[in-house]
Amino acid sequence: MEFLGFNGFTQEERNSAKDFLSFAKVIPLENHVVDRVIEIKQNYKIKLPDAIIAATAMSEGLHLVTRNTSDFKNIDVSLFNPFEQK
């Protein structure tokens, strides 16, 4: 929802994004993730969708891939920005 909700996609890019997501694993929003979302929201100034994304990554032991790493500052989650040169 967060990814496809980006308003800057051309129609071709949106179609490519949908193709990319067809390979994604859907992770259900279970109670242990919800509990972590609540904890994150109570402790950090963060939007609910970002808290859900961070809590899911943390709960599942995944890297959070984002261009907007500043949205997750101070949160103990493994971040990867594919746009940064290393």
N, C-alpha and C. Protein backbone atom coordinates (compact mmCIF):
# COMPACT_ATOMS: atom_id res chain seq x y z
N MET A 1 0.83 -1.19 0.00
CA MET A 1 0.00 0.00 0.00
C MET A 1 0.87 1.25 0.00
N GLU A 2 1.89 1.24 0.87
CA GLU A 2 2.77 2.41 0.96
C GLU A 2 3.53 2.60 -0.35
N PHE A 3 4.06 1.52 -0.88
CA PHE A 3 4.86 1.57 -2.11
C PHE A 3 4.01 1.99 -3.31
N LEU A 4 2.89 1.33 -3.51
CA LEU A 4 2.05 1.64 -4.66
C LEU A 4 1.29 2.95 -4.50
N GLY A 5 1.20 3.44 -3.27
CA GLY A 5 0.52 4.71 -3.02
C GLY A 5 1.36 5.92 -3.40
N PHE A 6 2.62 5.69 -3.77
CA PHE A 6 3.49 6.80 -4.18
C PHE A 6 2.87 7.49 -5.39
N ASN A 7 2.70 8.79 -5.31
CA ASN A 7 2.00 9.56 -6.33
C ASN A 7 2.88 9.95 -7.51
N GLY A 8 4.18 9.68 -7.45
CA GLY A 8 5.09 10.13 -8.50
C GLY A 8 5.33 9.12 -9.61
N PHE A 9 4.65 7.98 -9.58
CA PHE A 9 4.84 6.96 -10.61
C PHE A 9 4.15 7.35 -11.91
N THR A 10 4.83 7.11 -13.03
CA THR A 10 4.14 7.12 -14.32
C THR A 10 3.35 5.82 -14.39
N GLN A 11 2.47 5.70 -15.36
CA GLN A 11 1.69 4.45 -15.49
C GLN A 11 2.63 3.27 -15.76
N GLU A 12 3.65 3.49 -16.57
CA GLU A 12 4.61 2.41 -16.86
C GLU A 12 5.36 2.00 -15.58
N GLU A 13 5.77 2.99 -14.78
CA GLU A 13 6.46 2.68 -13.53
C GLU A 13 5.53 1.96 -12.54
N ARG A 14 4.27 2.37 -12.50
CA ARG A 14 3.31 1.71 -11.61
C ARG A 14 3.13 0.24 -12.02
N ASN A 15 3.06 -0.01 -13.33
CA ASN A 15 2.95 -1.38 -13.81
C ASN A 15 4.19 -2.19 -13.45
N SER A 16 5.37 -1.58 -13.58
CA SER A 16 6.61 -2.26 -13.20
C SER A 16 6.64 -2.53 -11.70
N ALA A 17 6.15 -1.59 -10.91
CA ALA A 17 6.10 -1.77 -9.46
C ALA A 17 5.18 -2.93 -9.10
N LYS A 18 4.05 -3.03 -9.76
CA LYS A 18 3.13 -4.14 -9.51
C LYS A 18 3.77 -5.47 -9.89
N ASP A 19 4.51 -5.48 -11.01
CA ASP A 19 5.22 -6.70 -11.40
C ASP A 19 6.24 -7.08 -10.34
N PHE A 20 6.99 -6.09 -9.85
CA PHE A 20 7.99 -6.33 -8.81
C PHE A 20 7.34 -6.92 -7.57
N LEU A 21 6.21 -6.37 -7.16
CA LEU A 21 5.54 -6.83 -5.95
C LEU A 21 4.92 -8.22 -6.10
N SER A 22 4.74 -8.67 -7.32
CA SER A 22 4.18 -10.01 -7.51
C SER A 22 5.14 -11.08 -6.98
N PHE A 23 6.40 -10.72 -6.76
CA PHE A 23 7.39 -11.64 -6.21
C PHE A 23 7.53 -11.50 -4.69
N ALA A 24 6.79 -10.56 -4.09
CA ALA A 24 6.92 -10.28 -2.67
C ALA A 24 6.18 -11.31 -1.82
N LYS A 25 6.68 -11.48 -0.62
CA LYS A 25 6.00 -12.32 0.37
C LYS A 25 5.10 -11.40 1.19
N VAL A 26 3.84 -11.75 1.31
CA VAL A 26 2.91 -10.97 2.11
C VAL A 26 3.00 -11.46 3.55
N ILE A 27 3.25 -10.52 4.45
CA ILE A 27 3.37 -10.85 5.87
C ILE A 27 2.13 -10.31 6.57
N PRO A 28 1.34 -11.19 7.18
CA PRO A 28 0.11 -10.73 7.84
C PRO A 28 0.42 -9.86 9.07
N LEU A 29 -0.48 -8.97 9.35
CA LEU A 29 -0.35 -8.08 10.50
C LEU A 29 -0.89 -8.80 11.73
N GLU A 30 -0.01 -9.57 12.38
CA GLU A 30 -0.40 -10.37 13.53
C GLU A 30 -0.21 -9.60 14.83
N ASN A 31 -0.76 -10.14 15.91
CA ASN A 31 -0.77 -9.44 17.20
C ASN A 31 0.62 -9.04 17.68
N HIS A 32 1.64 -9.88 17.49
CA HIS A 32 2.98 -9.52 17.96
C HIS A 32 3.54 -8.33 17.19
N VAL A 33 3.15 -8.19 15.92
CA VAL A 33 3.58 -7.02 15.14
C VAL A 33 2.80 -5.79 15.60
N VAL A 34 1.52 -5.94 15.83
CA VAL A 34 0.69 -4.83 16.31
C VAL A 34 1.22 -4.31 17.64
N ASP A 35 1.60 -5.21 18.53
CA ASP A 35 2.17 -4.79 19.82
C ASP A 35 3.42 -3.96 19.62
N ARG A 36 4.24 -4.35 18.67
CA ARG A 36 5.48 -3.60 18.41
C ARG A 36 5.16 -2.26 17.75
N VAL A 37 4.14 -2.22 16.89
CA VAL A 37 3.71 -0.94 16.28
C VAL A 37 3.31 0.03 17.38
N ILE A 38 2.52 -0.43 18.33
CA ILE A 38 2.08 0.42 19.43
C ILE A 38 3.27 0.94 20.23
N GLU A 39 4.22 0.07 20.50
CA GLU A 39 5.43 0.47 21.23
C GLU A 39 6.20 1.53 20.46
N ILE A 40 6.35 1.36 19.16
CA ILE A 40 7.06 2.34 18.33
C ILE A 40 6.32 3.67 18.33
N LYS A 41 5.00 3.63 18.15
CA LYS A 41 4.20 4.87 18.12
C LYS A 41 4.27 5.60 19.45
N GLN A 42 4.36 4.88 20.56
CA GLN A 42 4.43 5.51 21.87
C GLN A 42 5.79 6.17 22.12
N ASN A 43 6.82 5.66 21.48
CA ASN A 43 8.18 6.12 21.78
C ASN A 43 8.80 7.03 20.72
N TYR A 44 8.24 7.09 19.53
CA TYR A 44 8.84 7.87 18.45
C TYR A 44 7.76 8.65 17.71
N LYS A 45 8.16 9.78 17.18
CA LYS A 45 7.26 10.56 16.34
C LYS A 45 7.37 9.99 14.93
N ILE A 46 6.43 9.12 14.57
CA ILE A 46 6.48 8.41 13.30
C ILE A 46 5.05 8.17 12.83
N LYS A 47 4.87 8.20 11.54
CA LYS A 47 3.55 7.95 10.96
C LYS A 47 3.19 6.48 11.12
N LEU A 48 1.90 6.21 11.23
CA LEU A 48 1.43 4.85 11.44
C LEU A 48 1.92 3.88 10.35
N PRO A 49 1.81 4.23 9.04
CA PRO A 49 2.30 3.27 8.04
C PRO A 49 3.79 2.94 8.22
N ASP A 50 4.59 3.95 8.56
CA ASP A 50 6.02 3.72 8.78
C ASP A 50 6.25 2.86 10.02
N ALA A 51 5.44 3.04 11.05
CA ALA A 51 5.56 2.22 12.25
C ALA A 51 5.20 0.77 11.94
N ILE A 52 4.20 0.56 11.10
CA ILE A 52 3.83 -0.80 10.70
C ILE A 52 4.97 -1.45 9.92
N ILE A 53 5.55 -0.71 9.01
CA ILE A 53 6.65 -1.23 8.20
C ILE A 53 7.85 -1.57 9.08
N ALA A 54 8.22 -0.66 9.98
CA ALA A 54 9.36 -0.89 10.87
C ALA A 54 9.10 -2.08 11.79
N ALA A 55 7.92 -2.14 12.38
CA ALA A 55 7.59 -3.23 13.30
C ALA A 55 7.60 -4.58 12.60
N THR A 56 7.13 -4.61 11.37
CA THR A 56 7.13 -5.85 10.61
C THR A 56 8.56 -6.30 10.34
N ALA A 57 9.41 -5.38 9.88
CA ALA A 57 10.81 -5.72 9.62
C ALA A 57 11.49 -6.21 10.88
N MET A 58 11.26 -5.52 11.99
CA MET A 58 11.89 -5.90 13.26
C MET A 58 11.40 -7.27 13.72
N SER A 59 10.11 -7.50 13.64
CA SER A 59 9.53 -8.76 14.11
C SER A 59 9.95 -9.96 13.27
N GLU A 60 10.18 -9.71 12.01
CA GLU A 60 10.52 -10.80 11.09
C GLU A 60 12.03 -10.93 10.86
N GLY A 61 12.82 -10.05 11.48
CA GLY A 61 14.28 -10.08 11.31
C GLY A 61 14.70 -9.71 9.90
N LEU A 62 14.01 -8.74 9.29
CA LEU A 62 14.27 -8.34 7.91
C LEU A 62 14.93 -6.97 7.84
N HIS A 63 15.59 -6.70 6.72
CA HIS A 63 16.11 -5.37 6.44
C HIS A 63 14.95 -4.54 5.89
N LEU A 64 14.87 -3.30 6.31
CA LEU A 64 13.86 -2.38 5.80
C LEU A 64 14.51 -1.62 4.65
N VAL A 65 14.01 -1.80 3.45
CA VAL A 65 14.55 -1.16 2.26
C VAL A 65 13.75 0.11 2.00
N THR A 66 14.43 1.25 2.05
CA THR A 66 13.76 2.53 1.86
C THR A 66 14.74 3.59 1.39
N ARG A 67 14.23 4.54 0.66
CA ARG A 67 15.03 5.71 0.28
C ARG A 67 14.97 6.74 1.40
N ASN A 68 13.92 6.67 2.22
CA ASN A 68 13.67 7.66 3.26
C ASN A 68 14.14 7.14 4.62
N THR A 69 15.43 6.95 4.76
CA THR A 69 15.95 6.41 6.01
C THR A 69 15.69 7.35 7.18
N SER A 70 15.57 8.64 6.91
CA SER A 70 15.33 9.60 8.00
C SER A 70 13.97 9.38 8.65
N ASP A 71 13.04 8.73 7.95
CA ASP A 71 11.73 8.42 8.55
C ASP A 71 11.85 7.44 9.71
N PHE A 72 12.97 6.74 9.77
CA PHE A 72 13.15 5.69 10.76
C PHE A 72 14.30 5.97 11.71
N LYS A 73 14.71 7.26 11.78
CA LYS A 73 15.83 7.61 12.64
C LYS A 73 15.52 7.26 14.10
N ASN A 74 16.52 6.83 14.79
CA ASN A 74 16.45 6.46 16.21
C ASN A 74 15.71 5.16 16.48
N ILE A 75 15.15 4.52 15.46
CA ILE A 75 14.47 3.24 15.65
C ILE A 75 15.47 2.13 15.34
N ASP A 76 15.55 1.15 16.20
CA ASP A 76 16.51 0.07 16.06
C ASP A 76 16.03 -0.96 15.04
N VAL A 77 16.14 -0.57 13.76
CA VAL A 77 15.74 -1.44 12.66
C VAL A 77 16.86 -1.40 11.62
N SER A 78 17.11 -2.53 11.00
CA SER A 78 18.16 -2.61 9.98
C SER A 78 17.66 -1.94 8.70
N LEU A 79 18.34 -0.87 8.28
CA LEU A 79 17.93 -0.10 7.11
C LEU A 79 18.87 -0.32 5.93
N PHE A 80 18.31 -0.30 4.73
CA PHE A 80 19.10 -0.34 3.51
C PHE A 80 18.50 0.65 2.52
N ASN A 81 19.32 1.60 2.07
CA ASN A 81 18.89 2.57 1.06
C ASN A 81 19.55 2.18 -0.26
N PRO A 82 18.80 1.64 -1.22
CA PRO A 82 19.41 1.21 -2.48
C PRO A 82 19.90 2.37 -3.34
N PHE A 83 19.58 3.60 -2.96
CA PHE A 83 19.99 4.76 -3.74
C PHE A 83 21.30 5.37 -3.25
N GLU A 84 21.79 4.90 -2.11
CA GLU A 84 23.07 5.40 -1.57
C GLU A 84 24.22 4.69 -2.23
N GLN A 85 25.23 5.46 -2.58
CA GLN A 85 26.46 4.89 -3.12
C GLN A 85 27.36 4.47 -1.97
N LYS A 86 27.93 3.30 -2.04
CA LYS A 86 28.84 2.85 -0.98
C LYS A 86 30.20 2.63 -1.54
